Every structure is written in C-alpha cells, then in structure tokens.
PDB file of N, CA and C in Angstrom:
ATOM      1  N   MET A   1      11.485  26.243  39.611  1.00  0.00           N
ATOM      2  CA  MET A   1      10.684  26.544  38.435  1.00  0.00           C
ATOM      3  C   MET A   1      10.875  25.455  37.383  1.00  0.00           C
ATOM      4  N   TYR A   2       9.788  25.193  36.693  1.00  0.00           N
ATOM      5  CA  TYR A   2       9.787  24.244  35.590  1.00  0.00           C
ATOM      6  C   TYR A   2       9.711  25.025  34.279  1.00  0.00           C
ATOM      7  N   SER A   3      10.307  24.477  33.246  1.00  0.00           N
ATOM      8  CA  SER A   3      10.088  24.995  31.899  1.00  0.00           C
ATOM      9  C   SER A   3       8.826  24.339  31.368  1.00  0.00           C
ATOM     10  N   VAL A   4       8.091  25.075  30.560  1.00  0.00           N
ATOM     11  CA  VAL A   4       6.871  24.544  29.947  1.00  0.00           C
ATOM     12  C   VAL A   4       7.044  24.631  28.434  1.00  0.00           C
ATOM     13  N   ASP A   5       6.883  23.498  27.763  1.00  0.00           N
ATOM     14  CA  ASP A   5       6.908  23.529  26.307  1.00  0.00           C
ATOM     15  C   ASP A   5       5.709  22.769  25.762  1.00  0.00           C
ATOM     16  N   LEU A   6       5.499  22.923  24.485  1.00  0.00           N
ATOM     17  CA  LEU A   6       4.343  22.305  23.833  1.00  0.00           C
ATOM     18  C   LEU A   6       4.810  21.361  22.738  1.00  0.00           C
ATOM     19  N   ASP A   7       4.174  20.208  22.680  1.00  0.00           N
ATOM     20  CA  ASP A   7       4.321  19.284  21.577  1.00  0.00           C
ATOM     21  C   ASP A   7       3.873  20.018  20.307  1.00  0.00           C
ATOM     22  N   PRO A   8       4.424  19.701  19.136  1.00  0.00           N
ATOM     23  CA  PRO A   8       3.987  20.399  17.919  1.00  0.00           C
ATOM     24  C   PRO A   8       2.474  20.359  17.679  1.00  0.00           C
ATOM     25  N   VAL A   9       1.841  19.236  17.976  1.00  0.00           N
ATOM     26  CA  VAL A   9       0.382  19.167  17.816  1.00  0.00           C
ATOM     27  C   VAL A   9      -0.303  20.082  18.826  1.00  0.00           C
ATOM     28  N   ALA A  10       0.168  20.079  20.071  1.00  0.00           N
ATOM     29  CA  ALA A  10      -0.408  20.962  21.087  1.00  0.00           C
ATOM     30  C   ALA A  10      -0.186  22.427  20.712  1.00  0.00           C
ATOM     31  N   GLN A  11       0.937  22.729  20.088  1.00  0.00           N
ATOM     32  CA  GLN A  11       1.191  24.105  19.628  1.00  0.00           C
ATOM     33  C   GLN A  11       0.120  24.524  18.617  1.00  0.00           C
ATOM     34  N   GLN A  12      -0.197  23.651  17.687  1.00  0.00           N
ATOM     35  CA  GLN A  12      -1.259  23.946  16.714  1.00  0.00           C
ATOM     36  C   GLN A  12      -2.606  24.112  17.410  1.00  0.00           C
ATOM     37  N   GLN A  13      -2.867  23.276  18.398  1.00  0.00           N
ATOM     38  CA  GLN A  13      -4.129  23.379  19.144  1.00  0.00           C
ATOM     39  C   GLN A  13      -4.180  24.691  19.922  1.00  0.00           C
ATOM     40  N   ALA A  14      -3.063  25.115  20.491  1.00  0.00           N
ATOM     41  CA  ALA A  14      -3.017  26.388  21.227  1.00  0.00           C
ATOM     42  C   ALA A  14      -3.263  27.555  20.283  1.00  0.00           C
ATOM     43  N   GLU A  15      -2.678  27.493  19.105  1.00  0.00           N
ATOM     44  CA  GLU A  15      -2.861  28.569  18.123  1.00  0.00           C
ATOM     45  C   GLU A  15      -4.301  28.640  17.627  1.00  0.00           C
ATOM     46  N   ALA A  16      -5.042  27.553  17.729  1.00  0.00           N
ATOM     47  CA  ALA A  16      -6.437  27.523  17.285  1.00  0.00           C
ATOM     48  C   ALA A  16      -7.423  27.911  18.381  1.00  0.00           C
ATOM     49  N   LEU A  17      -6.929  28.169  19.595  1.00  0.00           N
ATOM     50  CA  LEU A  17      -7.837  28.563  20.680  1.00  0.00           C
ATOM     51  C   LEU A  17      -8.522  29.876  20.333  1.00  0.00           C
ATOM     52  N   PRO A  18      -9.784  30.038  20.753  1.00  0.00           N
ATOM     53  CA  PRO A  18     -10.451  31.321  20.527  1.00  0.00           C
ATOM     54  C   PRO A  18      -9.810  32.411  21.386  1.00  0.00           C
ATOM     55  N   VAL A  19      -9.965  33.623  20.953  1.00  0.00           N
ATOM     56  CA  VAL A  19      -9.378  34.762  21.656  1.00  0.00           C
ATOM     57  C   VAL A  19      -9.782  34.765  23.127  1.00  0.00           C
ATOM     58  N   THR A  20     -11.011  34.373  23.416  1.00  0.00           N
ATOM     59  CA  THR A  20     -11.497  34.389  24.799  1.00  0.00           C
ATOM     60  C   THR A  20     -10.790  33.372  25.684  1.00  0.00           C
ATOM     61  N   ALA A  21     -10.108  32.398  25.101  1.00  0.00           N
ATOM     62  CA  ALA A  21      -9.441  31.354  25.883  1.00  0.00           C
ATOM     63  C   ALA A  21      -7.952  31.612  26.086  1.00  0.00           C
ATOM     64  N   ILE A  22      -7.383  32.524  25.344  1.00  0.00           N
ATOM     65  CA  ILE A  22      -5.929  32.700  25.365  1.00  0.00           C
ATOM     66  C   ILE A  22      -5.421  33.103  26.742  1.00  0.00           C
ATOM     67  N   ASN A  23      -6.049  34.073  27.377  1.00  0.00           N
ATOM     68  CA  ASN A  23      -5.558  34.521  28.691  1.00  0.00           C
ATOM     69  C   ASN A  23      -5.601  33.407  29.729  1.00  0.00           C
ATOM     70  N   THR A  24      -6.676  32.629  29.741  1.00  0.00           N
ATOM     71  CA  THR A  24      -6.752  31.564  30.743  1.00  0.00           C
ATOM     72  C   THR A  24      -5.741  30.454  30.444  1.00  0.00           C
ATOM     73  N   PHE A  25      -5.461  30.210  29.168  1.00  0.00           N
ATOM     74  CA  PHE A  25      -4.429  29.234  28.836  1.00  0.00           C
ATOM     75  C   PHE A  25      -3.050  29.737  29.273  1.00  0.00           C
ATOM     76  N   LEU A  26      -2.773  31.008  29.050  1.00  0.00           N
ATOM     77  CA  LEU A  26      -1.502  31.583  29.497  1.00  0.00           C
ATOM     78  C   LEU A  26      -1.382  31.543  31.018  1.00  0.00           C
ATOM     79  N   GLU A  27      -2.493  31.739  31.721  1.00  0.00           N
ATOM     80  CA  GLU A  27      -2.481  31.621  33.184  1.00  0.00           C
ATOM     81  C   GLU A  27      -2.145  30.191  33.605  1.00  0.00           C
ATOM     82  N   LEU A  28      -2.718  29.215  32.912  1.00  0.00           N
ATOM     83  CA  LEU A  28      -2.397  27.816  33.208  1.00  0.00           C
ATOM     84  C   LEU A  28      -0.909  27.560  33.002  1.00  0.00           C
ATOM     85  N   ARG A  29      -0.356  28.042  31.907  1.00  0.00           N
ATOM     86  CA  ARG A  29       1.091  27.858  31.660  1.00  0.00           C
ATOM     87  C   ARG A  29       1.918  28.443  32.792  1.00  0.00           C
ATOM     88  N   ALA A  30       1.529  29.614  33.278  1.00  0.00           N
ATOM     89  CA  ALA A  30       2.258  30.243  34.383  1.00  0.00           C
ATOM     90  C   ALA A  30       2.178  29.395  35.649  1.00  0.00           C
ATOM     91  N   VAL A  31       1.022  28.831  35.919  1.00  0.00           N
ATOM     92  CA  VAL A  31       0.860  27.961  37.090  1.00  0.00           C
ATOM     93  C   VAL A  31       1.724  26.712  36.955  1.00  0.00           C
ATOM     94  N   LEU A  32       1.775  26.152  35.757  1.00  0.00           N
ATOM     95  CA  LEU A  32       2.558  24.934  35.541  1.00  0.00           C
ATOM     96  C   LEU A  32       4.050  25.158  35.800  1.00  0.00           C
ATOM     97  N   GLU A  33       4.526  26.378  35.651  1.00  0.00           N
ATOM     98  CA  GLU A  33       5.938  26.667  35.923  1.00  0.00           C
ATOM     99  C   GLU A  33       6.286  26.462  37.388  1.00  0.00           C
ATOM    100  N   THR A  34       5.320  26.657  38.269  1.00  0.00           N
ATOM    101  CA  THR A  34       5.604  26.549  39.708  1.00  0.00           C
ATOM    102  C   THR A  34       4.893  25.388  40.390  1.00  0.00           C
ATOM    103  N   ASP A  35       3.782  24.924  39.832  1.00  0.00           N
ATOM    104  CA  ASP A  35       3.006  23.864  40.474  1.00  0.00           C
ATOM    105  C   ASP A  35       2.462  22.876  39.445  1.00  0.00           C
ATOM    106  N   PRO A  36       3.341  22.125  38.770  1.00  0.00           N
ATOM    107  CA  PRO A  36       2.851  21.235  37.719  1.00  0.00           C
ATOM    108  C   PRO A  36       2.053  20.039  38.236  1.00  0.00           C
ATOM    109  N   TRP A  37       2.174  19.724  39.514  1.00  0.00           N
ATOM    110  CA  TRP A  37       1.481  18.547  40.054  1.00  0.00           C
ATOM    111  C   TRP A  37       0.069  18.862  40.528  1.00  0.00           C
ATOM    112  N   GLY A  38      -0.467  20.025  40.166  1.00  0.00           N
ATOM    113  CA  GLY A  38      -1.799  20.423  40.602  1.00  0.00           C
ATOM    114  C   GLY A  38      -2.935  19.875  39.759  1.00  0.00           C
ATOM    115  N   GLY A  39      -2.624  19.094  38.737  1.00  0.00           N
ATOM    116  CA  GLY A  39      -3.665  18.544  37.884  1.00  0.00           C
ATOM    117  C   GLY A  39      -4.187  17.213  38.399  1.00  0.00           C
ATOM    118  N   ARG A  40      -5.068  16.608  37.608  1.00  0.00           N
ATOM    119  CA  ARG A  40      -5.613  15.283  37.931  1.00  0.00           C
ATOM    120  C   ARG A  40      -4.907  14.238  37.075  1.00  0.00           C
ATOM    121  N   PRO A  41      -4.670  13.069  37.617  1.00  0.00           N
ATOM    122  CA  PRO A  41      -4.047  12.009  36.810  1.00  0.00           C
ATOM    123  C   PRO A  41      -4.917  11.674  35.590  1.00  0.00           C
ATOM    124  N   LEU A  42      -4.285  11.504  34.453  1.00  0.00           N
ATOM    125  CA  LEU A  42      -5.021  11.119  33.259  1.00  0.00           C
ATOM    126  C   LEU A  42      -5.692   9.771  33.470  1.00  0.00           C
ATOM    127  N   ASN A  43      -5.001   8.874  34.152  1.00  0.00           N
ATOM    128  CA  ASN A  43      -5.541   7.559  34.473  1.00  0.00           C
ATOM    129  C   ASN A  43      -5.798   7.511  35.982  1.00  0.00           C
ATOM    130  N   PRO A  44      -7.059   7.579  36.412  1.00  0.00           N
ATOM    131  CA  PRO A  44      -7.359   7.573  37.843  1.00  0.00           C
ATOM    132  C   PRO A  44      -6.863   6.328  38.572  1.00  0.00           C
ATOM    133  N   ASP A  45      -6.655   5.232  37.834  1.00  0.00           N
ATOM    134  CA  ASP A  45      -6.153   4.016  38.458  1.00  0.00           C
ATOM    135  C   ASP A  45      -4.652   4.077  38.729  1.00  0.00           C
ATOM    136  N   ASN A  46      -3.999   5.120  38.254  1.00  0.00           N
ATOM    137  CA  ASN A  46      -2.567   5.300  38.458  1.00  0.00           C
ATOM    138  C   ASN A  46      -2.315   6.733  38.941  1.00  0.00           C
ATOM    139  N   PRO A  47      -2.693   7.038  40.190  1.00  0.00           N
ATOM    140  CA  PRO A  47      -2.635   8.422  40.673  1.00  0.00           C
ATOM    141  C   PRO A  47      -1.229   8.998  40.792  1.00  0.00           C
ATOM    142  N   LYS A  48      -0.202   8.170  40.759  1.00  0.00           N
ATOM    143  CA  LYS A  48       1.166   8.677  40.869  1.00  0.00           C
ATOM    144  C   LYS A  48       1.832   8.872  39.509  1.00  0.00           C
ATOM    145  N   ALA A  49       1.083   8.683  38.437  1.00  0.00           N
ATOM    146  CA  ALA A  49       1.632   8.834  37.087  1.00  0.00           C
ATOM    147  C   ALA A  49       2.009  10.295  36.826  1.00  0.00           C
ATOM    148  N   ASN A  50       2.892  10.484  35.879  1.00  0.00           N
ATOM    149  CA  ASN A  50       3.355  11.836  35.577  1.00  0.00           C
ATOM    150  C   ASN A  50       2.645  12.441  34.366  1.00  0.00           C
ATOM    151  N   ILE A  51       1.502  11.894  33.990  1.00  0.00           N
ATOM    152  CA  ILE A  51       0.671  12.496  32.947  1.00  0.00           C
ATOM    153  C   ILE A  51      -0.602  12.991  33.624  1.00  0.00           C
ATOM    154  N   LEU A  52      -0.785  14.319  33.583  1.00  0.00           N
ATOM    155  CA  LEU A  52      -1.890  14.949  34.300  1.00  0.00           C
ATOM    156  C   LEU A  52      -2.758  15.772  33.358  1.00  0.00           C
ATOM    157  N   THR A  53      -4.012  15.982  33.776  1.00  0.00           N
ATOM    158  CA  THR A  53      -4.931  16.841  33.033  1.00  0.00           C
ATOM    159  C   THR A  53      -5.253  18.067  33.880  1.00  0.00           C
ATOM    160  N   TYR A  54      -5.532  19.157  33.202  1.00  0.00           N
ATOM    161  CA  TYR A  54      -5.852  20.432  33.848  1.00  0.00           C
ATOM    162  C   TYR A  54      -7.004  21.071  33.093  1.00  0.00           C
ATOM    163  N   MET A  55      -7.855  21.762  33.807  1.00  0.00           N
ATOM    164  CA  MET A  55      -8.939  22.520  33.191  1.00  0.00           C
ATOM    165  C   MET A  55      -8.544  23.996  33.190  1.00  0.00           C
ATOM    166  N   PHE A  56      -8.992  24.722  32.172  1.00  0.00           N
ATOM    167  CA  PHE A  56      -8.765  26.166  32.139  1.00  0.00           C
ATOM    168  C   PHE A  56      -9.927  26.842  31.424  1.00  0.00           C
ATOM    169  N   GLY A  57     -10.251  28.024  31.872  1.00  0.00           N
ATOM    170  CA  GLY A  57     -11.282  28.819  31.223  1.00  0.00           C
ATOM    171  C   GLY A  57     -12.667  28.216  31.200  1.00  0.00           C
ATOM    172  N   GLY A  58     -12.922  27.233  32.035  1.00  0.00           N
ATOM    173  CA  GLY A  58     -14.246  26.624  32.097  1.00  0.00           C
ATOM    174  C   GLY A  58     -14.541  25.636  30.984  1.00  0.00           C
ATOM    175  N   LEU A  59     -13.932  25.804  29.808  1.00  0.00           N
ATOM    176  CA  LEU A  59     -14.216  24.924  28.678  1.00  0.00           C
ATOM    177  C   LEU A  59     -12.968  24.303  28.062  1.00  0.00           C
ATOM    178  N   GLY A  60     -11.820  24.543  28.670  1.00  0.00           N
ATOM    179  CA  GLY A  60     -10.583  24.031  28.104  1.00  0.00           C
ATOM    180  C   GLY A  60      -9.950  22.973  28.977  1.00  0.00           C
ATOM    181  N   SER A  61      -9.202  22.083  28.321  1.00  0.00           N
ATOM    182  CA  SER A  61      -8.425  21.103  29.065  1.00  0.00           C
ATOM    183  C   SER A  61      -7.071  20.954  28.386  1.00  0.00           C
ATOM    184  N   ALA A  62      -6.089  20.608  29.196  1.00  0.00           N
ATOM    185  CA  ALA A  62      -4.743  20.363  28.699  1.00  0.00           C
ATOM    186  C   ALA A  62      -4.215  19.101  29.375  1.00  0.00           C
ATOM    187  N   VAL A  63      -3.405  18.369  28.647  1.00  0.00           N
ATOM    188  CA  VAL A  63      -2.760  17.167  29.168  1.00  0.00           C
ATOM    189  C   VAL A  63      -1.261  17.392  29.088  1.00  0.00           C
ATOM    190  N   SER A  64      -0.569  17.087  30.181  1.00  0.00           N
ATOM    191  CA  SER A  64       0.879  17.298  30.171  1.00  0.00           C
ATOM    192  C   SER A  64       1.622  16.090  30.726  1.00  0.00           C
ATOM    193  N   LEU A  65       2.852  15.990  30.302  1.00  0.00           N
ATOM    194  CA  LEU A  65       3.803  15.009  30.798  1.00  0.00           C
ATOM    195  C   LEU A  65       4.814  15.777  31.639  1.00  0.00           C
ATOM    196  N   ILE A  66       4.984  15.387  32.900  1.00  0.00           N
ATOM    197  CA  ILE A  66       5.908  16.079  33.796  1.00  0.00           C
ATOM    198  C   ILE A  66       7.184  15.258  33.919  1.00  0.00           C
ATOM    199  N   LEU A  67       8.297  15.898  33.635  1.00  0.00           N
ATOM    200  CA  LEU A  67       9.608  15.266  33.749  1.00  0.00           C
ATOM    201  C   LEU A  67      10.376  15.996  34.848  1.00  0.00           C
ATOM    202  N   ASP A  68      10.248  15.483  36.071  1.00  0.00           N
ATOM    203  CA  ASP A  68      10.859  16.141  37.229  1.00  0.00           C
ATOM    204  C   ASP A  68      12.372  16.306  37.095  1.00  0.00           C
ATOM    205  N   GLU A  69      13.051  15.269  36.602  1.00  0.00           N
ATOM    206  CA  GLU A  69      14.508  15.320  36.520  1.00  0.00           C
ATOM    207  C   GLU A  69      14.978  16.474  35.644  1.00  0.00           C
ATOM    208  N   GLN A  70      14.228  16.783  34.594  1.00  0.00           N
ATOM    209  CA  GLN A  70      14.572  17.887  33.698  1.00  0.00           C
ATOM    210  C   GLN A  70      13.866  19.186  34.070  1.00  0.00           C
ATOM    211  N   ARG A  71      13.033  19.141  35.116  1.00  0.00           N
ATOM    212  CA  ARG A  71      12.226  20.302  35.506  1.00  0.00           C
ATOM    213  C   ARG A  71      11.451  20.822  34.297  1.00  0.00           C
ATOM    214  N   LEU A  72      10.761  19.875  33.617  1.00  0.00           N
ATOM    215  CA  LEU A  72      10.077  20.174  32.368  1.00  0.00           C
ATOM    216  C   LEU A  72       8.630  19.711  32.427  1.00  0.00           C
ATOM    217  N   VAL A  73       7.740  20.560  31.947  1.00  0.00           N
ATOM    218  CA  VAL A  73       6.338  20.202  31.737  1.00  0.00           C
ATOM    219  C   VAL A  73       6.115  20.260  30.231  1.00  0.00           C
ATOM    220  N   HIS A  74       5.771  19.138  29.647  1.00  0.00           N
ATOM    221  CA  HIS A  74       5.578  19.038  28.200  1.00  0.00           C
ATOM    222  C   HIS A  74       4.081  18.883  27.941  1.00  0.00           C
ATOM    223  N   ILE A  75       3.449  19.921  27.426  1.00  0.00           N
ATOM    224  CA  ILE A  75       2.017  19.862  27.123  1.00  0.00           C
ATOM    225  C   ILE A  75       1.846  19.075  25.830  1.00  0.00           C
ATOM    226  N   ILE A  76       1.030  18.021  25.912  1.00  0.00           N
ATOM    227  CA  ILE A  76       0.889  17.135  24.755  1.00  0.00           C
ATOM    228  C   ILE A  76      -0.469  17.250  24.064  1.00  0.00           C
ATOM    229  N   ARG A  77      -1.438  17.877  24.713  1.00  0.00           N
ATOM    230  CA  ARG A  77      -2.759  18.017  24.089  1.00  0.00           C
ATOM    231  C   ARG A  77      -3.512  19.174  24.729  1.00  0.00           C
ATOM    232  N   ILE A  78      -4.244  19.913  23.890  1.00  0.00           N
ATOM    233  CA  ILE A  78      -5.103  21.004  24.350  1.00  0.00           C
ATOM    234  C   ILE A  78      -6.445  20.846  23.647  1.00  0.00           C
ATOM    235  N   ASP A  79      -7.510  20.909  24.415  1.00  0.00           N
ATOM    236  CA  ASP A  79      -8.861  20.830  23.849  1.00  0.00           C
ATOM    237  C   ASP A  79      -9.674  22.024  24.335  1.00  0.00           C
ATOM    238  N   TRP A  80     -10.488  22.562  23.451  1.00  0.00           N
ATOM    239  CA  TRP A  80     -11.430  23.618  23.808  1.00  0.00           C
ATOM    240  C   TRP A  80     -12.815  23.137  23.418  1.00  0.00           C
ATOM    241  N   LEU A  81     -13.707  23.100  24.382  1.00  0.00           N
ATOM    242  CA  LEU A  81     -15.033  22.526  24.155  1.00  0.00           C
ATOM    243  C   LEU A  81     -16.094  23.563  23.812  1.00  0.00           C
ATOM    244  N   GLY A  82     -15.676  24.806  23.687  1.00  0.00           N
ATOM    245  CA  GLY A  82     -16.627  25.892  23.417  1.00  0.00           C
ATOM    246  C   GLY A  82     -16.921  26.106  21.961  1.00  0.00           C
TER     247      GLY A  82
END
C-alpha cells in the first residue's frame, strides 16, 4: 500500500471540487493506494517518469508524483473541467 497526500495547492483544489465530483475523487485516491502506476505519463516522451496524470468523474484530472522508495503518492494538481 502507498500513502496518498496532497500538496497544499492540490488540497485547496480538492476542497473546491463540486459536490458531484467528491466521490469520484475519493475513489481515485483509494485506487492510488494500491495501483499508483495506472495513470498516463505527464510527458509522453518520457513514459517511465514518475509523474502521472489520472482522469476521474469524466471531467476531472489529477497529477501525481510517485515516490516508490517512500511508498508515497503526492498529488500535486487537481483540475475540474465542469
């Protein structure tokens, strides 16, 4: 299992999510605890990088930094396009 934490800016972005997005964001966090490598590389030219993007709720995206040695997923950005 990985720990999942949020950058202070990402925390503010999470708190600003609409009510309809909260459950899907929480589901994404739960998935990241067990399968953090399921996202897409932020930079497609560097597919082995540890910065990945994930979609949630159809209109949301999150960017995370994965630190395998610490078993940590650090969410650095959350966007909601709705």
